[in-house]
Amino acid sequence: MSESKRLLDAASRMIPGGVNSPVRAFRAVGGAPVFIARAEGSRLVDVDGRAYIDFVGSWGPLILGHAAPAVVEAVTEAARRGTSYGAPTALEVDMAEAITAAYPSMEMIRLVSSGTEAAMSAIRVARGATGRDVLVKFDGCYHGHADSLLVKAGSGGATFGIPDSKGVPAALAELTLTVAFNDLEAVRDLFRRRGERIAAVIVEPVAGNMGVVPPAPGFLEGLREVTRAHGALLIFDEVITGFRVAYGGAQERYGVSADLTCLGKIIGGGLPVGAYGGSRAVMSEVSPLGGVYQAGTLSGNPLAVAAGLAAIRALADRRAYARLETLGARLEQGLRDGAQKAGVPLTVNRVGSMLTAFFCAGPVTDYASARRADTARYARFFQAMLARGIYLAPSQFEAAFVSLAHSEADLETAARAAAEALTV
């Protein structure tokens, strides 16, 4: 028995499914998850000693690669001073200055401990600032597991949400309306009918949780226009895209500003962190300045902030993004070439250094078209790539991430592996 299998058996006796986040269980691709022992640069090593070129990157935060020296040094130095104070630190001020400089729409921010907490808090602020209750989200966009966000769309246009998880009260889910991603006309129609009740629209500006789906031309601009016209707030969930698709995230890349922004992943440098922020007027609603309450014992944790600042500072001159674009394009081309040679229908959606290869003819523009992908074929591809030392997301509906630690040789190895795996 492999050490990974032994650990899974032991974990399953104490942890639901043997994992602390569902997608890690490999249920979508079959087989048992590999347990990781260590990582450095672009590579993971599992407890059985097998090495993998990693294109998950802890689901996006590790834009510098695993155990990046600058991050390790920053965390080590911070830990020597103490791991948590429950009191303000200078590093929190440095973090706030770095983020607000990169995101002009974020005049004030609040640090939290996860992306879920950031999205949950931003929604509360939007409801408090507008005095309205209804939230609009997009089918297939994931914003964490807060009750208001675990809903799915019914068939056809816009519909009141129904719970997508046990334990979510139907009455609360009914305050969330869902429409198809990239369907701007459906959003406009929804606002014509119910705009006076809508507090906010929350959207991943580049969807990353139905697989990577970029915004259609004019979609984000249209959301900006319709929310402003109806007095609702526009929330960009940039937990994935923040400091990933550009230094200023999707707002810089697409030239559209949000009223509230949620960040996470890269701003923690691999440690748990999140942040939300917006204009001074909106964020003045947050306690202790205003009546919207939100608090957290570990918010602004000195280790997480030190790690995040090291990552952000490494990206600050922005030259890194040209290399990330090149590496992302190289991975995309390798997948396309392999699929063409194998005669396999494959649609690759990429924005910068994040991409998804959908096993369908495409195009993939929303959750409905993403769901047409052949998940069984993806599962075979995943297992074949894993056997060839390439670690991908264990789900068709997730993103692959390229880091600055990936080399040209890594991309060539991945391309050769894909050419073989696509024939399986």
Protein backbone atom coordinates (compact mmCIF):
# COMPACT_ATOMS: atom_id res chain seq x y z
CA MET A 1 0.00 0.00 0.00
CA SER A 2 1.29 3.46 -0.88
CA GLU A 3 1.89 5.97 1.89
CA SER A 4 -0.71 8.29 0.30
CA LYS A 5 -3.32 5.51 0.46
CA ARG A 6 -2.43 4.71 4.07
CA LEU A 7 -2.76 8.37 5.02
CA LEU A 8 -6.09 8.67 3.18
CA ASP A 9 -7.45 5.66 5.07
CA ALA A 10 -6.32 7.17 8.36
CA ALA A 11 -7.67 10.62 7.50
CA SER A 12 -11.03 9.22 6.39
CA ARG A 13 -11.67 7.97 9.91
CA MET A 14 -11.49 11.51 11.28
CA ILE A 15 -11.97 13.99 8.42
CA PRO A 16 -15.01 14.01 6.08
CA GLY A 17 -13.84 12.29 2.90
CA GLY A 18 -10.32 12.31 4.28
CA VAL A 19 -9.76 15.88 3.06
CA ASN A 20 -10.23 19.41 4.36
CA SER A 21 -11.63 20.80 1.10
CA PRO A 22 -13.91 18.72 -1.16
CA VAL A 23 -12.11 19.03 -4.49
CA ARG A 24 -8.99 17.49 -2.96
CA ALA A 25 -10.82 14.16 -2.66
CA PHE A 26 -10.39 13.39 -6.39
CA ARG A 27 -14.07 12.36 -6.58
CA ALA A 28 -14.40 14.08 -9.98
CA VAL A 29 -11.42 12.28 -11.52
CA GLY A 30 -11.34 8.98 -9.68
CA GLY A 31 -8.58 7.38 -7.71
CA ALA A 32 -7.11 8.55 -4.43
CA PRO A 33 -5.47 11.92 -3.77
CA VAL A 34 -1.72 12.15 -3.40
CA PHE A 35 -0.50 13.50 -0.08
CA ILE A 36 2.22 16.09 -0.45
CA ALA A 37 5.40 16.01 1.61
CA ARG A 38 7.20 19.11 0.33
CA ALA A 39 7.47 21.52 -2.59
CA GLU A 40 9.94 23.92 -4.13
CA GLY A 41 9.80 26.10 -7.22
CA SER A 42 7.51 24.49 -9.79
CA ARG A 43 7.55 21.03 -8.21
CA LEU A 44 5.65 19.02 -5.64
CA VAL A 45 6.96 15.84 -4.03
CA ASP A 46 4.46 13.41 -2.52
CA VAL A 47 4.88 11.22 0.55
CA ASP A 48 5.88 8.29 -1.70
CA GLY A 49 8.74 10.28 -3.20
CA ARG A 50 7.17 11.00 -6.61
CA ALA A 51 7.77 14.47 -8.06
CA TYR A 52 5.30 16.48 -10.14
CA ILE A 53 5.40 19.71 -12.13
CA ASP A 54 2.64 21.63 -10.41
CA PHE A 55 0.05 23.67 -12.32
CA VAL A 56 -2.30 24.10 -9.36
CA GLY A 57 -0.08 26.31 -7.23
CA SER A 58 -2.26 25.91 -4.14
CA TRP A 59 -5.18 27.03 -6.36
CA GLY A 60 -3.53 30.26 -7.43
CA PRO A 61 -1.64 31.98 -4.60
CA LEU A 62 1.85 30.76 -5.50
CA ILE A 63 2.61 33.07 -8.39
CA LEU A 64 6.30 33.04 -7.35
CA GLY A 65 6.34 29.25 -7.02
CA HIS A 66 6.63 27.03 -3.97
CA ALA A 67 8.87 28.07 -1.09
CA ALA A 68 9.91 31.26 -2.86
CA PRO A 69 13.00 32.52 -1.01
CA ALA A 70 11.63 36.04 -0.50
CA VAL A 71 8.43 34.67 1.02
CA VAL A 72 10.17 32.10 3.22
CA GLU A 73 12.56 34.73 4.51
CA ALA A 74 9.74 37.17 5.26
CA VAL A 75 7.67 34.55 7.12
CA THR A 76 10.67 33.28 9.08
CA GLU A 77 11.61 36.79 10.17
CA ALA A 78 8.02 37.58 11.13
CA ALA A 79 7.64 34.35 13.11
CA ARG A 80 10.67 35.21 15.22
CA ARG A 81 8.83 38.35 16.33
CA GLY A 82 5.67 36.42 17.24
CA THR A 83 2.94 34.65 15.29
CA SER A 84 -0.13 36.67 16.31
CA TYR A 85 -0.84 39.70 18.47
CA GLY A 86 -4.53 40.51 18.12
CA ALA A 87 -3.37 44.11 17.83
CA PRO A 88 -2.42 46.46 14.96
CA THR A 89 0.98 46.18 13.28
CA ALA A 90 3.04 48.30 10.91
CA LEU A 91 2.90 45.51 8.33
CA GLU A 92 -0.88 45.94 8.07
CA VAL A 93 -0.34 49.58 7.13
CA ASP A 94 2.25 48.55 4.54
CA MET A 95 -0.19 46.01 3.10
CA ALA A 96 -3.00 48.56 2.92
CA GLU A 97 -0.72 51.03 1.16
CA ALA A 98 0.43 48.42 -1.37
CA ILE A 99 -3.09 47.27 -2.21
CA THR A 100 -4.65 50.72 -2.46
CA ALA A 101 -1.78 51.83 -4.72
CA ALA A 102 -2.45 48.89 -7.05
CA TYR A 103 -6.25 49.30 -6.92
CA PRO A 104 -7.33 52.95 -7.14
CA SER A 105 -10.96 51.90 -6.52
CA MET A 106 -9.95 50.64 -3.06
CA GLU A 107 -9.44 53.80 -1.04
CA MET A 108 -9.88 51.87 2.19
CA ILE A 109 -9.51 48.15 2.89
CA ARG A 110 -10.13 45.68 5.69
CA LEU A 111 -7.96 42.58 6.02
CA VAL A 112 -9.65 39.26 6.84
CA SER A 113 -8.58 35.62 6.87
CA SER A 114 -10.03 34.11 3.68
CA GLY A 115 -11.63 34.87 0.36
CA THR A 116 -14.93 33.52 1.66
CA GLU A 117 -14.81 35.99 4.54
CA ALA A 118 -13.96 38.83 2.17
CA ALA A 119 -16.95 38.12 -0.10
CA MET A 120 -19.32 37.59 2.82
CA SER A 121 -18.23 40.89 4.35
CA ALA A 122 -18.43 42.84 1.08
CA ILE A 123 -22.02 41.69 0.62
CA ARG A 124 -22.91 42.81 4.13
CA VAL A 125 -21.34 46.21 3.46
CA ALA A 126 -23.26 46.55 0.19
CA ARG A 127 -26.55 45.75 1.92
CA GLY A 128 -25.76 48.14 4.75
CA ALA A 129 -24.71 50.96 2.42
CA THR A 130 -27.73 50.66 0.11
CA GLY A 131 -30.42 49.61 2.58
CA ARG A 132 -31.42 46.84 0.14
CA ASP A 133 -31.40 43.08 0.54
CA VAL A 134 -31.24 41.37 -2.87
CA LEU A 135 -27.95 40.14 -4.34
CA VAL A 136 -27.28 39.21 -7.97
CA LYS A 137 -24.66 36.58 -8.80
CA PHE A 138 -23.79 34.55 -11.87
CA ASP A 139 -24.39 30.87 -12.38
CA GLY A 140 -21.12 29.00 -12.01
CA CYS A 141 -19.28 31.82 -10.21
CA TYR A 142 -18.08 30.77 -6.78
CA HIS A 143 -17.53 33.33 -4.04
CA GLY A 144 -16.93 31.10 -1.06
CA HIS A 145 -19.33 29.07 1.01
CA ALA A 146 -21.30 31.81 2.77
CA ASP A 147 -25.04 31.04 2.86
CA SER A 148 -26.05 33.87 0.52
CA LEU A 149 -23.73 32.56 -2.18
CA LEU A 150 -24.42 28.83 -2.19
CA VAL A 151 -27.28 29.00 -4.65
CA LYS A 152 -27.77 27.78 -8.20
CA ALA A 153 -29.85 29.10 -11.10
CA GLY A 154 -33.06 27.57 -12.34
CA SER A 155 -33.65 27.03 -16.04
CA GLY A 156 -34.11 30.07 -18.26
CA GLY A 157 -33.34 33.76 -17.52
CA ALA A 158 -33.16 35.09 -14.00
CA THR A 159 -34.58 33.18 -11.11
CA PHE A 160 -34.67 33.38 -7.36
CA GLY A 161 -31.91 31.24 -5.96
CA ILE A 162 -32.56 27.89 -4.39
CA PRO A 163 -30.13 26.37 -1.89
CA ASP A 164 -27.19 24.55 -3.45
CA SER A 165 -26.23 22.99 -0.13
CA LYS A 166 -28.02 21.46 2.81
CA GLY A 167 -28.08 23.79 5.77
CA VAL A 168 -28.74 26.94 3.72
CA PRO A 169 -32.16 28.37 4.64
CA ALA A 170 -34.41 28.74 1.59
CA ALA A 171 -35.57 32.13 2.83
CA LEU A 172 -32.01 33.43 2.75
CA ALA A 173 -31.22 31.86 -0.61
CA GLU A 174 -34.26 33.59 -2.06
CA LEU A 175 -32.50 36.92 -1.58
CA THR A 176 -29.96 35.85 -4.21
CA LEU A 177 -30.84 36.10 -7.90
CA THR A 178 -28.74 34.30 -10.49
CA VAL A 179 -28.23 34.90 -14.19
CA ALA A 180 -25.91 33.43 -16.80
CA PHE A 181 -22.35 34.78 -16.91
CA ASN A 182 -21.78 37.09 -19.90
CA ASP A 183 -25.56 37.59 -20.39
CA LEU A 184 -25.70 41.35 -20.02
CA GLU A 185 -29.21 41.65 -21.41
CA ALA A 186 -30.53 39.33 -18.70
CA VAL A 187 -28.92 41.56 -16.08
CA ARG A 188 -30.49 44.67 -17.62
CA ASP A 189 -33.88 42.99 -17.71
CA LEU A 190 -33.52 41.96 -14.08
CA PHE A 191 -32.74 45.52 -13.04
CA ARG A 192 -35.69 46.87 -15.04
CA ARG A 193 -37.98 44.59 -13.05
CA ARG A 194 -36.39 44.51 -9.61
CA GLY A 195 -33.69 47.14 -9.54
CA GLU A 196 -35.09 49.02 -6.55
CA ARG A 197 -34.44 45.98 -4.33
CA ILE A 198 -30.97 45.03 -5.58
CA ALA A 199 -28.11 45.94 -3.27
CA ALA A 200 -25.26 44.61 -5.38
CA VAL A 201 -24.03 42.51 -8.26
CA ILE A 202 -21.11 40.25 -7.36
CA VAL A 203 -19.04 38.74 -10.14
CA GLU A 204 -15.70 37.10 -10.81
CA PRO A 205 -14.51 39.46 -13.57
CA VAL A 206 -12.75 36.44 -15.05
CA ALA A 207 -14.65 33.37 -13.96
CA GLY A 208 -12.33 30.81 -12.44
CA ASN A 209 -14.63 28.35 -10.74
CA MET A 210 -16.49 26.97 -13.75
CA GLY A 211 -13.10 26.71 -15.35
CA VAL A 212 -11.59 29.88 -16.77
CA VAL A 213 -14.21 31.90 -18.67
CA PRO A 214 -13.23 35.45 -19.68
CA PRO A 215 -15.74 38.30 -19.81
CA ALA A 216 -17.28 38.99 -23.20
CA PRO A 217 -16.41 42.39 -24.71
CA GLY A 218 -18.59 45.00 -23.02
CA PHE A 219 -19.86 42.69 -20.26
CA LEU A 220 -18.01 44.26 -17.35
CA GLU A 221 -18.59 47.74 -18.72
CA GLY A 222 -22.29 46.94 -18.95
CA LEU A 223 -22.41 45.76 -15.34
CA ARG A 224 -20.72 48.99 -14.29
CA GLU A 225 -23.28 51.03 -16.19
CA VAL A 226 -26.43 49.23 -15.03
CA THR A 227 -25.47 49.09 -11.35
CA ARG A 228 -24.58 52.76 -11.30
CA ALA A 229 -27.83 53.70 -13.03
CA HIS A 230 -29.90 51.84 -10.40
CA GLY A 231 -27.97 52.81 -7.29
CA ALA A 232 -26.63 49.29 -6.69
CA LEU A 233 -23.01 48.44 -5.95
CA LEU A 234 -20.73 46.41 -8.21
CA ILE A 235 -18.56 43.88 -6.36
CA PHE A 236 -15.61 42.31 -8.14
CA ASP A 237 -14.48 39.06 -6.58
CA GLU A 238 -10.79 39.22 -7.48
CA VAL A 239 -9.69 36.53 -5.07
CA ILE A 240 -8.25 34.63 -8.04
CA THR A 241 -7.53 37.45 -10.50
CA GLY A 242 -6.07 39.93 -8.01
CA PHE A 243 -2.37 40.46 -8.77
CA ARG A 244 -2.68 37.45 -11.12
CA VAL A 245 -3.97 38.74 -14.47
CA ALA A 246 -2.26 42.11 -13.93
CA TYR A 247 -0.69 43.92 -11.01
CA GLY A 248 -3.98 45.76 -10.55
CA GLY A 249 -5.96 42.63 -11.32
CA ALA A 250 -8.89 42.46 -13.69
CA GLN A 251 -9.71 46.10 -13.02
CA GLU A 252 -6.41 47.13 -14.55
CA ARG A 253 -6.60 44.57 -17.35
CA TYR A 254 -10.12 45.51 -18.47
CA GLY A 255 -10.27 49.15 -17.36
CA VAL A 256 -13.44 48.76 -15.26
CA SER A 257 -13.58 49.79 -11.60
CA ALA A 258 -15.73 48.17 -8.93
CA ASP A 259 -17.40 49.72 -5.90
CA LEU A 260 -16.15 46.90 -3.68
CA THR A 261 -13.34 44.45 -4.37
CA CYS A 262 -12.54 41.12 -2.72
CA LEU A 263 -8.96 39.87 -2.68
CA GLY A 264 -7.18 36.78 -1.37
CA LYS A 265 -4.71 34.13 -2.54
CA ILE A 266 -1.68 36.08 -3.87
CA ILE A 267 -1.96 38.79 -1.19
CA GLY A 268 -1.23 36.04 1.34
CA GLY A 269 1.75 34.61 -0.52
CA GLY A 270 0.53 31.10 0.30
CA LEU A 271 -0.80 31.82 3.79
CA PRO A 272 -4.49 32.30 4.67
CA VAL A 273 -5.60 35.87 4.05
CA GLY A 274 -8.31 37.93 2.41
CA ALA A 275 -9.26 41.57 2.03
CA TYR A 276 -12.18 43.67 0.90
CA GLY A 277 -12.30 47.36 0.17
CA GLY A 278 -13.79 50.19 -1.79
CA SER A 279 -14.35 53.90 -1.72
CA ARG A 280 -13.90 55.85 1.50
CA ALA A 281 -17.62 56.56 1.59
CA VAL A 282 -18.66 52.93 1.28
CA MET A 283 -16.01 51.57 3.64
CA SER A 284 -16.95 54.16 6.24
CA GLU A 285 -20.02 51.98 6.80
CA VAL A 286 -17.74 49.37 8.42
CA SER A 287 -17.39 49.24 12.22
CA PRO A 288 -15.95 51.07 14.13
CA LEU A 289 -16.74 53.94 11.73
CA GLY A 290 -20.22 52.73 10.79
CA GLY A 291 -22.92 50.26 11.65
CA VAL A 292 -21.82 47.27 9.53
CA TYR A 293 -20.12 44.89 11.94
CA GLN A 294 -17.25 42.63 10.93
CA ALA A 295 -14.37 41.40 13.05
CA GLY A 296 -11.72 38.69 13.16
CA THR A 297 -9.19 37.57 15.75
CA LEU A 298 -6.55 36.68 13.15
CA SER A 299 -7.32 39.45 10.65
CA GLY A 300 -4.05 41.01 9.55
CA ASN A 301 -2.05 38.09 10.93
CA PRO A 302 1.62 39.13 10.83
CA LEU A 303 2.82 35.94 9.14
CA ALA A 304 0.22 36.11 6.38
CA VAL A 305 0.78 39.83 5.81
CA ALA A 306 4.56 39.39 5.69
CA ALA A 307 4.22 36.59 3.12
CA GLY A 308 1.75 38.58 1.03
CA LEU A 309 3.86 41.72 1.04
CA ALA A 310 6.87 39.72 -0.14
CA ALA A 311 4.83 38.35 -3.05
CA ILE A 312 3.33 41.72 -3.99
CA ARG A 313 6.70 43.48 -3.86
CA ALA A 314 8.22 40.86 -6.15
CA LEU A 315 5.56 41.73 -8.73
CA ALA A 316 5.61 45.50 -8.30
CA ASP A 317 7.82 46.38 -11.26
CA ARG A 318 5.26 44.56 -13.46
CA ARG A 319 7.88 42.99 -15.75
CA ALA A 320 6.86 39.65 -14.29
CA TYR A 321 3.54 39.82 -16.12
CA ALA A 322 5.14 39.71 -19.56
CA ARG A 323 6.89 36.48 -18.60
CA LEU A 324 3.69 35.05 -17.10
CA GLU A 325 1.85 35.88 -20.33
CA THR A 326 4.51 34.11 -22.37
CA LEU A 327 4.49 31.03 -20.15
CA GLY A 328 0.69 30.88 -20.14
CA ALA A 329 0.60 31.14 -23.92
CA ARG A 330 3.20 28.36 -24.19
CA LEU A 331 1.09 26.01 -22.04
CA GLU A 332 -2.03 26.90 -24.03
CA GLN A 333 -0.29 26.17 -27.34
CA GLY A 334 1.07 22.88 -26.08
CA LEU A 335 -2.43 21.74 -25.13
CA ARG A 336 -3.88 22.89 -28.46
CA ASP A 337 -1.15 21.17 -30.47
CA GLY A 338 -1.59 17.94 -28.54
CA ALA A 339 -5.34 17.95 -29.03
CA GLN A 340 -5.02 18.64 -32.74
CA LYS A 341 -2.60 15.74 -33.22
CA ALA A 342 -4.83 13.43 -31.19
CA GLY A 343 -8.01 14.60 -32.94
CA VAL A 344 -9.60 15.42 -29.58
CA PRO A 345 -12.13 18.29 -29.30
CA LEU A 346 -10.54 20.75 -26.88
CA THR A 347 -11.30 24.37 -26.06
CA VAL A 348 -8.62 26.26 -24.14
CA ASN A 349 -9.68 29.44 -22.37
CA ARG A 350 -6.80 31.51 -21.05
CA VAL A 351 -6.37 34.90 -19.41
CA GLY A 352 -2.72 35.60 -18.68
CA SER A 353 -1.28 32.87 -16.48
CA MET A 354 -4.57 31.11 -15.71
CA LEU A 355 -6.30 28.72 -18.10
CA THR A 356 -8.64 25.76 -18.47
CA ALA A 357 -8.73 23.09 -21.17
CA PHE A 358 -12.36 22.05 -21.69
CA PHE A 359 -12.99 18.72 -23.39
CA CYS A 360 -15.55 20.03 -25.84
CA ALA A 361 -15.60 21.83 -29.18
CA GLY A 362 -16.55 25.17 -27.62
CA PRO A 363 -16.82 28.02 -27.35
CA VAL A 364 -17.14 28.10 -23.56
CA THR A 365 -18.67 31.39 -22.50
CA ASP A 366 -20.78 30.55 -19.44
CA TYR A 367 -21.60 27.78 -17.01
CA ALA A 368 -24.04 26.03 -19.35
CA SER A 369 -21.45 25.74 -22.11
CA ALA A 370 -18.77 24.72 -19.60
CA ARG A 371 -21.03 21.90 -18.41
CA ARG A 372 -21.04 20.44 -21.92
CA ALA A 373 -17.42 19.43 -21.46
CA ASP A 374 -16.67 15.70 -21.33
CA THR A 375 -15.79 15.21 -17.66
CA ALA A 376 -15.05 11.51 -18.10
CA ARG A 377 -12.50 12.37 -20.77
CA TYR A 378 -10.97 14.99 -18.46
CA ALA A 379 -10.69 12.39 -15.69
CA ARG A 380 -8.71 10.08 -18.00
CA PHE A 381 -6.53 12.98 -19.08
CA PHE A 382 -5.91 14.01 -15.48
CA GLN A 383 -4.84 10.52 -14.46
CA ALA A 384 -2.62 10.15 -17.52
CA MET A 385 -0.94 13.49 -16.80
CA LEU A 386 -0.49 12.59 -13.14
CA ALA A 387 1.19 9.33 -14.17
CA ARG A 388 3.56 11.41 -16.34
CA GLY A 389 4.46 13.73 -13.46
CA ILE A 390 2.13 16.64 -14.24
CA TYR A 391 -0.13 17.81 -11.42
CA LEU A 392 -3.36 19.46 -12.63
CA ALA A 393 -6.57 20.43 -10.85
CA PRO A 394 -8.60 17.28 -10.06
CA SER A 395 -11.71 18.74 -11.71
CA GLN A 396 -12.67 19.85 -15.22
CA PHE A 397 -14.13 23.02 -13.76
CA GLU A 398 -11.03 24.54 -12.19
CA ALA A 399 -8.14 26.63 -13.44
CA ALA A 400 -4.53 25.73 -14.11
CA PHE A 401 -1.97 28.31 -13.00
CA VAL A 402 1.50 29.08 -14.32
CA SER A 403 4.03 30.61 -11.95
CA LEU A 404 7.26 32.52 -12.34
CA ALA A 405 9.04 29.40 -11.10
CA HIS A 406 8.02 27.43 -14.19
CA SER A 407 10.77 27.09 -16.78
CA GLU A 408 10.65 26.67 -20.53
CA ALA A 409 11.68 23.07 -19.94
CA ASP A 410 8.69 22.58 -17.61
CA LEU A 411 6.34 23.79 -20.32
CA GLU A 412 7.96 21.54 -22.93
CA THR A 413 7.65 18.56 -20.58
CA ALA A 414 4.00 19.37 -19.96
CA ALA A 415 3.34 19.68 -23.70
CA ARG A 416 4.92 16.28 -24.41
CA ALA A 417 2.93 14.71 -21.58
CA ALA A 418 -0.29 16.26 -22.86
CA ALA A 419 0.33 14.95 -26.39
CA GLU A 420 0.56 11.44 -24.94
CA ALA A 421 -2.22 11.81 -22.36
CA LEU A 422 -4.71 13.14 -24.92
CA THR A 423 -4.61 9.80 -26.72
CA VAL A 424 -5.70 7.87 -23.63
